C-alpha atoms as a PDB file:
ATOM      1  CA  UNK A   1      40.710 161.358  98.705  1.00  0.00           C
ATOM      2  CA  UNK A   2      41.256 158.757 101.432  1.00  0.00           C
ATOM      3  CA  UNK A   3      44.689 157.622 102.660  1.00  0.00           C
ATOM      4  CA  UNK A   4      45.411 154.736 105.025  1.00  0.00           C
ATOM      5  CA  UNK A   5      48.582 155.273 107.067  1.00  0.00           C
ATOM      6  CA  UNK A   6      50.210 152.169 108.542  1.00  0.00           C
ATOM      7  CA  UNK A   7      53.088 152.006 111.035  1.00  0.00           C
ATOM      8  CA  UNK A   8      52.322 155.547 112.201  1.00  0.00           C
ATOM      9  CA  UNK A   9      54.800 156.735 114.799  1.00  0.00           C
ATOM     10  CA  UNK A  10      54.141 159.341 117.466  1.00  0.00           C
ATOM     11  CA  UNK A  11      56.849 161.581 116.026  1.00  0.00           C
ATOM     12  CA  UNK A  12      54.802 161.772 112.810  1.00  0.00           C
ATOM     13  CA  UNK A  13      51.637 163.088 114.467  1.00  0.00           C
ATOM     14  CA  UNK A  14      52.184 166.826 114.095  1.00  0.00           C
ATOM     15  CA  UNK A  15      53.188 166.597 110.445  1.00  0.00           C
ATOM     16  CA  UNK A  16      50.215 164.387 109.605  1.00  0.00           C
ATOM     17  CA  UNK A  17      47.813 166.734 111.390  1.00  0.00           C
ATOM     18  CA  UNK A  18      49.210 169.711 109.512  1.00  0.00           C
ATOM     19  CA  UNK A  19      48.862 167.806 106.245  1.00  0.00           C
ATOM     20  CA  UNK A  20      45.203 167.058 107.020  1.00  0.00           C
ATOM     21  CA  UNK A  21      44.512 170.746 107.724  1.00  0.00           C
ATOM     22  CA  UNK A  22      46.058 171.822 104.438  1.00  0.00           C
ATOM     23  CA  UNK A  23      44.355 169.198 102.287  1.00  0.00           C
ATOM     24  CA  UNK A  24      40.786 167.950 101.933  1.00  0.00           C
ATOM     25  CA  UNK A  25      41.750 164.362 102.706  1.00  0.00           C
ATOM     26  CA  UNK A  26      40.345 161.617 104.925  1.00  0.00           C
ATOM     27  CA  UNK A  27      43.045 159.741 106.813  1.00  0.00           C
ATOM     28  CA  UNK A  28      42.843 156.386 108.595  1.00  0.00           C
ATOM     29  CA  UNK A  29      45.781 155.720 110.941  1.00  0.00           C
ATOM     30  CA  UNK A  30      47.260 152.747 112.771  1.00  0.00           C
ATOM     31  CA  UNK A  31      50.598 151.990 114.370  1.00  0.00           C
ATOM     32  CA  UNK A  32      50.342 148.376 113.167  1.00  0.00           C
ATOM     33  CA  UNK A  33      52.009 146.972 110.066  1.00  0.00           C
ATOM     34  CA  UNK A  34      49.932 146.271 106.974  1.00  0.00           C
ATOM     35  CA  UNK A  35      49.074 142.557 106.926  1.00  0.00           C
ATOM     36  CA  UNK A  36      46.015 140.337 106.689  1.00  0.00           C
ATOM     37  CA  UNK A  37      44.874 141.347 110.170  1.00  0.00           C
ATOM     38  CA  UNK A  38      44.949 145.085 109.468  1.00  0.00           C
ATOM     39  CA  UNK A  39      44.063 144.997 105.774  1.00  0.00           C
ATOM     40  CA  UNK A  40      40.457 146.015 106.446  1.00  0.00           C
ATOM     41  CA  UNK A  41      41.609 149.510 107.449  1.00  0.00           C
ATOM     42  CA  UNK A  42      42.471 150.354 103.856  1.00  0.00           C
ATOM     43  CA  UNK A  43      39.068 149.314 102.452  1.00  0.00           C
ATOM     44  CA  UNK A  44      37.828 152.031 100.039  1.00  0.00           C
ATOM     45  CA  UNK A  45      41.044 154.025 100.512  1.00  0.00           C
ATOM     46  CA  UNK A  46      42.600 155.513  97.403  1.00  0.00           C
ATOM     47  CA  UNK A  47      46.121 155.197  98.743  1.00  0.00           C
ATOM     48  CA  UNK A  48      48.246 153.467 101.354  1.00  0.00           C
ATOM     49  CA  UNK A  49      51.543 154.448 102.981  1.00  0.00           C
ATOM     50  CA  UNK A  50      53.728 152.301 105.242  1.00  0.00           C
ATOM     51  CA  UNK A  51      57.174 152.233 106.778  1.00  0.00           C
ATOM     52  CA  UNK A  52      59.670 149.481 106.105  1.00  0.00           C
ATOM     53  CA  UNK A  53      58.256 146.666 108.242  1.00  0.00           C
ATOM     54  CA  UNK A  54      55.156 145.972 106.148  1.00  0.00           C
ATOM     55  CA  UNK A  55      55.952 143.236 103.641  1.00  0.00           C
ATOM     56  CA  UNK A  56      53.790 143.878 100.595  1.00  0.00           C
ATOM     57  CA  UNK A  57      54.170 140.644  98.645  1.00  0.00           C
ATOM     58  CA  UNK A  58      52.092 139.572  95.643  1.00  0.00           C
ATOM     59  CA  UNK A  59      49.381 137.934  97.749  1.00  0.00           C
ATOM     60  CA  UNK A  60      48.877 141.007  99.919  1.00  0.00           C
ATOM     61  CA  UNK A  61      49.062 143.375  96.952  1.00  0.00           C
ATOM     62  CA  UNK A  62      46.208 141.500  95.282  1.00  0.00           C
ATOM     63  CA  UNK A  63      44.063 142.002  98.375  1.00  0.00           C
ATOM     64  CA  UNK A  64      45.012 145.688  98.586  1.00  0.00           C
ATOM     65  CA  UNK A  65      43.965 146.144  94.960  1.00  0.00           C
ATOM     66  CA  UNK A  66      40.657 144.366  95.605  1.00  0.00           C
ATOM     67  CA  UNK A  67      39.922 146.860  98.394  1.00  0.00           C
ATOM     68  CA  UNK A  68      40.092 149.720  95.892  1.00  0.00           C
ATOM     69  CA  UNK A  69      43.577 151.038  96.593  1.00  0.00           C
ATOM     70  CA  UNK A  70      45.302 152.537  93.560  1.00  0.00           C
ATOM     71  CA  UNK A  71      48.487 154.045  95.001  1.00  0.00           C
ATOM     72  CA  UNK A  72      51.042 152.859  97.569  1.00  0.00           C
ATOM     73  CA  UNK A  73      54.051 154.647  99.002  1.00  0.00           C
ATOM     74  CA  UNK A  74      56.713 153.653 101.499  1.00  0.00           C
ATOM     75  CA  UNK A  75      57.943 156.384 103.821  1.00  0.00           C
ATOM     76  CA  UNK A  76      61.485 155.075 103.330  1.00  0.00           C
ATOM     77  CA  UNK A  77      64.163 155.293 100.656  1.00  0.00           C
ATOM     78  CA  UNK A  78      64.522 151.511 100.514  1.00  0.00           C
ATOM     79  CA  UNK A  79      61.656 149.604  98.924  1.00  0.00           C
ATOM     80  CA  UNK A  80      62.740 145.960  98.916  1.00  0.00           C
ATOM     81  CA  UNK A  81      59.808 145.220 101.292  1.00  0.00           C
ATOM     82  CA  UNK A  82      57.464 145.926  98.360  1.00  0.00           C
ATOM     83  CA  UNK A  83      57.104 143.625  95.343  1.00  0.00           C
ATOM     84  CA  UNK A  84      57.273 146.621  93.032  1.00  0.00           C
ATOM     85  CA  UNK A  85      57.316 144.589  89.830  1.00  0.00           C
ATOM     86  CA  UNK A  86      54.120 142.761  90.733  1.00  0.00           C
ATOM     87  CA  UNK A  87      52.430 145.932  91.980  1.00  0.00           C
ATOM     88  CA  UNK A  88      52.979 147.561  88.608  1.00  0.00           C
ATOM     89  CA  UNK A  89      51.767 144.434  86.857  1.00  0.00           C
ATOM     90  CA  UNK A  90      48.373 144.675  88.579  1.00  0.00           C
ATOM     91  CA  UNK A  91      48.102 148.426  87.997  1.00  0.00           C
ATOM     92  CA  UNK A  92      49.183 149.875  91.333  1.00  0.00           C
ATOM     93  CA  UNK A  93      51.279 153.043  91.291  1.00  0.00           C
ATOM     94  CA  UNK A  94      54.240 152.740  93.667  1.00  0.00           C
ATOM     95  CA  UNK A  95      56.489 155.386  95.211  1.00  0.00           C
ATOM     96  CA  UNK A  96      59.218 155.762  97.781  1.00  0.00           C
ATOM     97  CA  UNK A  97      60.743 158.941  99.245  1.00  0.00           C
ATOM     98  CA  UNK A  98      64.011 160.769  99.446  1.00  0.00           C
ATOM     99  CA  UNK A  99      65.458 162.898 102.202  1.00  0.00           C
ATOM    100  CA  UNK A 100      68.621 164.805 102.955  1.00  0.00           C
ATOM    101  CA  UNK A 101      71.672 162.515 103.071  1.00  0.00           C
ATOM    102  CA  UNK A 102      73.309 164.486 105.876  1.00  0.00           C
ATOM    103  CA  UNK A 103      71.846 162.537 108.788  1.00  0.00           C
ATOM    104  CA  UNK A 104      73.046 159.138 107.576  1.00  0.00           C
ATOM    105  CA  UNK A 105      76.376 160.578 106.450  1.00  0.00           C
ATOM    106  CA  UNK A 106      76.994 162.217 109.846  1.00  0.00           C
ATOM    107  CA  UNK A 107      76.043 158.999 111.629  1.00  0.00           C
ATOM    108  CA  UNK A 108      78.442 157.013 109.450  1.00  0.00           C
ATOM    109  CA  UNK A 109      81.399 159.200 110.381  1.00  0.00           C
ATOM    110  CA  UNK A 110      80.347 159.022 114.034  1.00  0.00           C
ATOM    111  CA  UNK A 111      80.476 155.215 113.896  1.00  0.00           C
ATOM    112  CA  UNK A 112      83.973 155.399 112.422  1.00  0.00           C
ATOM    113  CA  UNK A 113      85.157 157.602 115.272  1.00  0.00           C
ATOM    114  CA  UNK A 114      83.456 155.517 117.959  1.00  0.00           C
ATOM    115  CA  UNK A 115      85.094 152.386 116.542  1.00  0.00           C
ATOM    116  CA  UNK A 116      88.536 153.947 116.161  1.00  0.00           C
ATOM    117  CA  UNK A 117      88.500 155.436 119.678  1.00  0.00           C
ATOM    118  CA  UNK A 118      87.138 152.235 121.291  1.00  0.00           C
ATOM    119  CA  UNK A 119      84.357 154.125 122.993  1.00  0.00           C
ATOM    120  CA  UNK A 120      82.101 151.084 123.507  1.00  0.00           C
ATOM    121  CA  UNK A 121      84.399 149.368 126.069  1.00  0.00           C
ATOM    122  CA  UNK A 122      85.230 152.782 127.534  1.00  0.00           C
ATOM    123  CA  UNK A 123      81.523 153.393 128.131  1.00  0.00           C
ATOM    124  CA  UNK A 124      81.153 149.961 129.758  1.00  0.00           C
ATOM    125  CA  UNK A 125      83.964 150.782 132.172  1.00  0.00           C
ATOM    126  CA  UNK A 126      82.498 154.146 133.150  1.00  0.00           C
ATOM    127  CA  UNK A 127      79.244 152.428 134.114  1.00  0.00           C
ATOM    128  CA  UNK A 128      81.128 150.530 136.850  1.00  0.00           C
ATOM    129  CA  UNK A 129      83.407 153.452 137.783  1.00  0.00           C
ATOM    130  CA  UNK A 130      86.432 151.977 136.017  1.00  0.00           C
ATOM    131  CA  UNK A 131      88.402 154.857 134.527  1.00  0.00           C
ATOM    132  CA  UNK A 132      91.554 152.992 133.492  1.00  0.00           C
ATOM    133  CA  UNK A 133      92.980 153.362 129.987  1.00  0.00           C
ATOM    134  CA  UNK A 134      94.507 149.909 129.435  1.00  0.00           C
ATOM    135  CA  UNK A 135      93.390 148.539 126.065  1.00  0.00           C
ATOM    136  CA  UNK A 136      91.675 151.764 125.013  1.00  0.00           C
ATOM    137  CA  UNK A 137      94.369 153.312 122.833  1.00  0.00           C
ATOM    138  CA  UNK A 138      92.713 154.442 119.631  1.00  0.00           C
ATOM    139  CA  UNK A 139      93.742 155.470 116.156  1.00  0.00           C
ATOM    140  CA  UNK A 140      93.438 158.794 114.337  1.00  0.00           C
ATOM    141  CA  UNK A 141      91.284 159.138 111.254  1.00  0.00           C
ATOM    142  CA  UNK A 142      93.840 161.372 109.537  1.00  0.00           C
ATOM    143  CA  UNK A 143      96.195 158.380 109.318  1.00  0.00           C
ATOM    144  CA  UNK A 144      93.598 156.120 107.701  1.00  0.00           C
ATOM    145  CA  UNK A 145      92.664 155.245 104.131  1.00  0.00           C
ATOM    146  CA  UNK A 146      88.873 155.163 103.928  1.00  0.00           C
ATOM    147  CA  UNK A 147      87.172 153.210 101.152  1.00  0.00           C
ATOM    148  CA  UNK A 148      83.646 154.288 100.243  1.00  0.00           C
ATOM    149  CA  UNK A 149      81.541 151.757  98.335  1.00  0.00           C
ATOM    150  CA  UNK A 150      78.777 153.660  96.567  1.00  0.00           C
ATOM    151  CA  UNK A 151      78.996 157.358  95.737  1.00  0.00           C
ATOM    152  CA  UNK A 152      75.382 158.402  95.410  1.00  0.00           C
ATOM    153  CA  UNK A 153      73.899 161.149  97.572  1.00  0.00           C
ATOM    154  CA  UNK A 154      74.835 159.548 100.897  1.00  0.00           C
ATOM    155  CA  UNK A 155      78.223 158.198  99.827  1.00  0.00           C
ATOM    156  CA  UNK A 156      79.169 161.556  98.346  1.00  0.00           C
ATOM    157  CA  UNK A 157      78.159 163.367 101.527  1.00  0.00           C
ATOM    158  CA  UNK A 158      80.200 160.918 103.630  1.00  0.00           C
ATOM    159  CA  UNK A 159      83.192 161.671 101.400  1.00  0.00           C
ATOM    160  CA  UNK A 160      82.725 165.424 101.824  1.00  0.00           C
ATOM    161  CA  UNK A 161      82.485 165.007 105.601  1.00  0.00           C
ATOM    162  CA  UNK A 162      85.628 162.887 105.670  1.00  0.00           C
ATOM    163  CA  UNK A 163      87.591 165.380 103.601  1.00  0.00           C
ATOM    164  CA  UNK A 164      87.864 167.621 106.642  1.00  0.00           C
ATOM    165  CA  UNK A 165      89.671 164.939 108.664  1.00  0.00           C
ATOM    166  CA  UNK A 166      92.704 164.760 106.397  1.00  0.00           C
ATOM    167  CA  UNK A 167      92.383 161.038 105.644  1.00  0.00           C
ATOM    168  CA  UNK A 168      92.983 159.508 102.236  1.00  0.00           C
ATOM    169  CA  UNK A 169      89.695 158.647 100.554  1.00  0.00           C
ATOM    170  CA  UNK A 170      89.201 156.095  97.788  1.00  0.00           C
ATOM    171  CA  UNK A 171      85.868 155.180  96.236  1.00  0.00           C
ATOM    172  CA  UNK A 172      84.146 152.608  94.082  1.00  0.00           C
ATOM    173  CA  UNK A 173      80.930 152.832  92.096  1.00  0.00           C
ATOM    174  CA  UNK A 174      79.827 151.476  88.744  1.00  0.00           C
ATOM    175  CA  UNK A 175      78.564 154.966  87.930  1.00  0.00           C
ATOM    176  CA  UNK A 176      81.140 157.632  88.712  1.00  0.00           C
ATOM    177  CA  UNK A 177      80.103 160.935  90.267  1.00  0.00           C
ATOM    178  CA  UNK A 178      82.248 163.773  88.909  1.00  0.00           C
ATOM    179  CA  UNK A 179      81.831 165.775  92.130  1.00  0.00           C
ATOM    180  CA  UNK A 180      83.440 162.953  94.113  1.00  0.00           C
ATOM    181  CA  UNK A 181      86.708 163.441  92.211  1.00  0.00           C
ATOM    182  CA  UNK A 182      87.271 166.717  94.084  1.00  0.00           C
ATOM    183  CA  UNK A 183      87.738 164.737  97.307  1.00  0.00           C
ATOM    184  CA  UNK A 184      88.452 161.090  96.464  1.00  0.00           C
ATOM    185  CA  UNK A 185      90.091 158.793  93.944  1.00  0.00           C
ATOM    186  CA  UNK A 186      88.010 156.189  92.149  1.00  0.00           C
ATOM    187  CA  UNK A 187      89.593 152.730  92.187  1.00  0.00           C
ATOM    188  CA  UNK A 188      88.600 149.193  91.236  1.00  0.00           C
ATOM    189  CA  UNK A 189      86.528 147.282  93.771  1.00  0.00           C
ATOM    190  CA  UNK A 190      89.302 144.784  94.561  1.00  0.00           C
ATOM    191  CA  UNK A 191      91.788 147.623  95.016  1.00  0.00           C
ATOM    192  CA  UNK A 192      89.473 149.344  97.482  1.00  0.00           C
ATOM    193  CA  UNK A 193      89.142 146.157  99.512  1.00  0.00           C
ATOM    194  CA  UNK A 194      92.904 145.599  99.627  1.00  0.00           C
ATOM    195  CA  UNK A 195      93.995 149.141 100.465  1.00  0.00           C
ATOM    196  CA  UNK A 196      91.373 150.488 102.877  1.00  0.00           C
ATOM    197  CA  UNK A 197      91.805 150.755 106.650  1.00  0.00           C
ATOM    198  CA  UNK A 198      88.101 151.589 106.934  1.00  0.00           C
ATOM    199  CA  UNK A 199      85.386 150.461 104.509  1.00  0.00           C
ATOM    200  CA  UNK A 200      81.910 151.984 104.522  1.00  0.00           C
ATOM    201  CA  UNK A 201      78.980 150.775 102.403  1.00  0.00           C
ATOM    202  CA  UNK A 202      76.473 153.111 100.715  1.00  0.00           C
ATOM    203  CA  UNK A 203      74.772 151.208  97.898  1.00  0.00           C
ATOM    204  CA  UNK A 204      71.121 150.195  97.466  1.00  0.00           C
ATOM    205  CA  UNK A 205      70.318 146.507  97.802  1.00  0.00           C
ATOM    206  CA  UNK A 206      69.886 144.621  94.527  1.00  0.00           C
ATOM    207  CA  UNK A 207      69.887 140.959  93.543  1.00  0.00           C
ATOM    208  CA  UNK A 208      73.371 141.439  92.112  1.00  0.00           C
ATOM    209  CA  UNK A 209      75.020 142.822  95.266  1.00  0.00           C
ATOM    210  CA  UNK A 210      73.334 140.681  97.905  1.00  0.00           C
ATOM    211  CA  UNK A 211      76.007 139.542 100.401  1.00  0.00           C
ATOM    212  CA  UNK A 212      78.572 141.702  98.630  1.00  0.00           C
ATOM    213  CA  UNK A 213      80.646 141.494 101.795  1.00  0.00           C
ATOM    214  CA  UNK A 214      81.339 137.808 102.326  1.00  0.00           C
ATOM    215  CA  UNK A 215      84.183 135.435 103.188  1.00  0.00           C
ATOM    216  CA  UNK A 216      85.874 135.961  99.827  1.00  0.00           C
ATOM    217  CA  UNK A 217      85.758 139.774  99.863  1.00  0.00           C
ATOM    218  CA  UNK A 218      86.641 139.953 103.569  1.00  0.00           C
ATOM    219  CA  UNK A 219      89.758 137.845 102.932  1.00  0.00           C
ATOM    220  CA  UNK A 220      90.885 140.468 100.432  1.00  0.00           C
ATOM    221  CA  UNK A 221      90.775 143.189 103.095  1.00  0.00           C
ATOM    222  CA  UNK A 222      93.582 144.307 105.368  1.00  0.00           C
ATOM    223  CA  UNK A 223      93.944 142.582 108.716  1.00  0.00           C
ATOM    224  CA  UNK A 224      92.264 144.762 111.331  1.00  0.00           C
ATOM    225  CA  UNK A 225      90.050 146.608 108.857  1.00  0.00           C
ATOM    226  CA  UNK A 226      87.103 148.593 110.237  1.00  0.00           C
ATOM    227  CA  UNK A 227      83.803 147.856 108.451  1.00  0.00           C
ATOM    228  CA  UNK A 228      80.815 150.211 108.579  1.00  0.00           C
ATOM    229  CA  UNK A 229      77.320 149.432 107.268  1.00  0.00           C
ATOM    230  CA  UNK A 230      74.524 152.003 107.450  1.00  0.00           C
ATOM    231  CA  UNK A 231      72.892 150.802 104.222  1.00  0.00           C
ATOM    232  CA  UNK A 232      71.209 147.367 104.143  1.00  0.00           C
ATOM    233  CA  UNK A 233      72.045 144.290 106.221  1.00  0.00           C
ATOM    234  CA  UNK A 234      71.603 141.960 103.246  1.00  0.00           C
ATOM    235  CA  UNK A 235      74.677 143.527 101.645  1.00  0.00           C
ATOM    236  CA  UNK A 236      76.718 141.441 104.091  1.00  0.00           C
ATOM    237  CA  UNK A 237      76.824 137.768 105.051  1.00  0.00           C
ATOM    238  CA  UNK A 238      76.338 137.777 108.819  1.00  0.00           C
ATOM    239  CA  UNK A 239      77.902 134.354 109.299  1.00  0.00           C
ATOM    240  CA  UNK A 240      81.067 135.495 107.532  1.00  0.00           C
ATOM    241  CA  UNK A 241      81.132 138.709 109.577  1.00  0.00           C
ATOM    242  CA  UNK A 242      80.971 136.664 112.783  1.00  0.00           C
ATOM    243  CA  UNK A 243      83.858 134.504 111.600  1.00  0.00           C
ATOM    244  CA  UNK A 244      85.881 137.608 110.731  1.00  0.00           C
ATOM    245  CA  UNK A 245      85.285 139.159 114.157  1.00  0.00           C
ATOM    246  CA  UNK A 246      86.193 135.932 115.933  1.00  0.00           C
ATOM    247  CA  UNK A 247      89.401 135.542 113.930  1.00  0.00           C
ATOM    248  CA  UNK A 248      90.207 139.259 114.438  1.00  0.00           C
ATOM    249  CA  UNK A 249      90.353 139.808 110.685  1.00  0.00           C
ATOM    250  CA  UNK A 250      87.955 142.660 111.391  1.00  0.00           C
ATOM    251  CA  UNK A 251      89.430 145.168 113.809  1.00  0.00           C
ATOM    252  CA  UNK A 252      85.991 146.645 114.372  1.00  0.00           C
ATOM    253  CA  UNK A 253      82.491 146.292 112.982  1.00  0.00           C
ATOM    254  CA  UNK A 254      79.766 148.954 113.191  1.00  0.00           C
ATOM    255  CA  UNK A 255      76.296 148.342 111.762  1.00  0.00           C
ATOM    256  CA  UNK A 256      73.061 150.294 111.912  1.00  0.00           C
ATOM    257  CA  UNK A 257      71.207 147.465 110.174  1.00  0.00           C
ATOM    258  CA  UNK A 258      70.928 143.745 110.884  1.00  0.00           C
ATOM    259  CA  UNK A 259      69.505 140.632 109.237  1.00  0.00           C
ATOM    260  CA  UNK A 260      65.960 139.825 110.446  1.00  0.00           C
ATOM    261  CA  UNK A 261      65.753 143.060 112.397  1.00  0.00           C
ATOM    262  CA  UNK A 262      62.125 143.718 111.468  1.00  0.00           C
ATOM    263  CA  UNK A 263      60.513 142.349 114.638  1.00  0.00           C
ATOM    264  CA  UNK A 264      63.223 143.751 116.927  1.00  0.00           C
ATOM    265  CA  UNK A 265      64.450 147.190 115.948  1.00  0.00           C
ATOM    266  CA  UNK A 266      62.108 150.052 116.881  1.00  0.00           C
ATOM    267  CA  UNK A 267      60.354 147.831 119.445  1.00  0.00           C
ATOM    268  CA  UNK A 268      60.665 147.477 123.225  1.00  0.00           C
ATOM    269  CA  UNK A 269      61.970 144.179 124.602  1.00  0.00           C
ATOM    270  CA  UNK A 270      63.684 145.043 127.888  1.00  0.00           C
ATOM    271  CA  UNK A 271      62.031 142.107 129.699  1.00  0.00           C
ATOM    272  CA  UNK A 272      61.859 139.692 126.761  1.00  0.00           C
ATOM    273  CA  UNK A 273      64.179 137.279 125.009  1.00  0.00           C
ATOM    274  CA  UNK A 274      65.557 138.586 121.715  1.00  0.00           C
ATOM    275  CA  UNK A 275      65.059 135.855 119.142  1.00  0.00           C
ATOM    276  CA  UNK A 276      68.009 136.654 116.909  1.00  0.00           C
ATOM    277  CA  UNK A 277      71.021 134.610 117.956  1.00  0.00           C
ATOM    278  CA  UNK A 278      73.449 136.272 115.573  1.00  0.00           C
ATOM    279  CA  UNK A 279      72.508 139.711 116.878  1.00  0.00           C
ATOM    280  CA  UNK A 280      72.765 138.612 120.514  1.00  0.00           C
ATOM    281  CA  UNK A 281      76.123 136.967 119.878  1.00  0.00           C
ATOM    282  CA  UNK A 282      77.739 139.759 117.856  1.00  0.00           C
ATOM    283  CA  UNK A 283      76.802 142.594 120.158  1.00  0.00           C
ATOM    284  CA  UNK A 284      78.787 141.144 123.082  1.00  0.00           C
ATOM    285  CA  UNK A 285      82.132 141.855 121.381  1.00  0.00           C
ATOM    286  CA  UNK A 286      83.874 145.035 122.573  1.00  0.00           C
ATOM    287  CA  UNK A 287      84.780 145.975 118.989  1.00  0.00           C
ATOM    288  CA  UNK A 288      81.274 145.476 117.538  1.00  0.00           C
ATOM    289  CA  UNK A 289      78.829 148.399 117.544  1.00  0.00           C
ATOM    290  CA  UNK A 290      75.186 147.712 116.733  1.00  0.00           C
ATOM    291  CA  UNK A 291      72.724 150.604 116.562  1.00  0.00           C
ATOM    292  CA  UNK A 292      68.984 150.207 116.093  1.00  0.00           C
ATOM    293  CA  UNK A 293      68.501 151.362 112.489  1.00  0.00           C
ATOM    294  CA  UNK A 294      68.568 154.999 113.482  1.00  0.00           C
ATOM    295  CA  UNK A 295      71.096 156.628 111.148  1.00  0.00           C
ATOM    296  CA  UNK A 296      68.220 158.248 109.245  1.00  0.00           C
ATOM    297  CA  UNK A 297      66.469 159.436 112.404  1.00  0.00           C
ATOM    298  CA  UNK A 298      66.796 163.213 112.495  1.00  0.00           C
ATOM    299  CA  UNK A 299      64.082 165.844 112.706  1.00  0.00           C
ATOM    300  CA  UNK A 300      64.756 167.065 109.172  1.00  0.00           C
ATOM    301  CA  UNK A 301      64.840 163.618 107.563  1.00  0.00           C
ATOM    302  CA  UNK A 302      61.697 162.371 109.314  1.00  0.00           C
ATOM    303  CA  UNK A 303      59.725 165.422 108.241  1.00  0.00           C
ATOM    304  CA  UNK A 304      60.896 165.037 104.647  1.00  0.00           C
ATOM    305  CA  UNK A 305      59.977 161.345 104.591  1.00  0.00           C
ATOM    306  CA  UNK A 306      56.412 161.909 105.767  1.00  0.00           C
ATOM    307  CA  UNK A 307      55.753 164.965 103.631  1.00  0.00           C
ATOM    308  CA  UNK A 308      57.243 163.404 100.497  1.00  0.00           C
ATOM    309  CA  UNK A 309      55.215 160.213 100.899  1.00  0.00           C
ATOM    310  CA  UNK A 310      51.889 161.955 101.484  1.00  0.00           C
ATOM    311  CA  UNK A 311      52.486 164.537  98.766  1.00  0.00           C
ATOM    312  CA  UNK A 312      53.454 161.739  96.392  1.00  0.00           C
ATOM    313  CA  UNK A 313      50.125 159.993  96.993  1.00  0.00           C
ATOM    314  CA  UNK A 314      48.239 163.238  96.394  1.00  0.00           C
ATOM    315  CA  UNK A 315      50.163 163.770  93.148  1.00  0.00           C
ATOM    316  CA  UNK A 316      49.318 160.219  92.037  1.00  0.00           C
ATOM    317  CA  UNK A 317      45.645 160.903  92.786  1.00  0.00           C
ATOM    318  CA  UNK A 318      45.526 164.281  91.032  1.00  0.00           C
ATOM    319  CA  UNK A 319      47.884 163.792  88.097  1.00  0.00           C
ATOM    320  CA  UNK A 320      48.548 160.071  87.798  1.00  0.00           C
ATOM    321  CA  UNK A 321      52.263 160.485  88.400  1.00  0.00           C
ATOM    322  CA  UNK A 322      54.789 161.504  91.047  1.00  0.00           C
ATOM    323  CA  UNK A 323      58.468 162.428  91.036  1.00  0.00           C
ATOM    324  CA  UNK A 324      58.972 159.634  93.585  1.00  0.00           C
ATOM    325  CA  UNK A 325      57.328 156.984  91.398  1.00  0.00           C
ATOM    326  CA  UNK A 326      59.288 153.736  91.143  1.00  0.00           C
END
């Protein structure tokens, strides 16, 4: 079996080497994304795996199929960068991965605390030896009502984490999770928007929920609400978020994802111009926290992502199916 690995990161090296030792598999590796320029690397490969920055549209999928590839797998939970429907249509098996929800859930609660305790402007001041407290008075999580949109594995884990802080927790999901009811109350979506001091988003991106957070839904929220997004940037309308920050409708905004982040996040641009005006503009606000799509980035989660993707491709090759098949 031959596997072509795209977007290989240095932190994946040891796990990939171990996988090669344990399996009789030929591996071709590159740190580049899969596109027309790098397509030749997967010629005669049985399978391909990428991270989330390779856009496998119909045109590219046709070329991948022509090169003999039968199986593709993204080393991410999200798969909206793959045209899964078309891949299946032309006979390609497609898989994603899963990993422990704890890393993202922990990061989400951290963002809440950083926002509530105004640590971003406090950190700025320390860098210039300003240790004053004016304007830095925070709020306590135990006095908040937290609304959790989406109660799958990550949303549920966020709720469990929050239960130890003594805050009131309300939740919304089309499919209710019985375990959530031990810690939170399910409410209607509009009720969650109206009654939450903090709102955190944990749903997968679909055509139906694109820009779920927009001018209309933001106007339904409390003045000064704190909004957290560690899911997908397309779940929010960036323009409307900017307006809400400027008008102070949003008391704080914390996002680990951003629209058109693909050519920026996980890259080095310390001496370059960042060509994303919305990102450059939003990050200058003292109450806006932008992190570089790193909520998932823990040792345990990274190992699970790589192992699950590679094992999935082997399962496809040996049995024709995988538990991670989409």
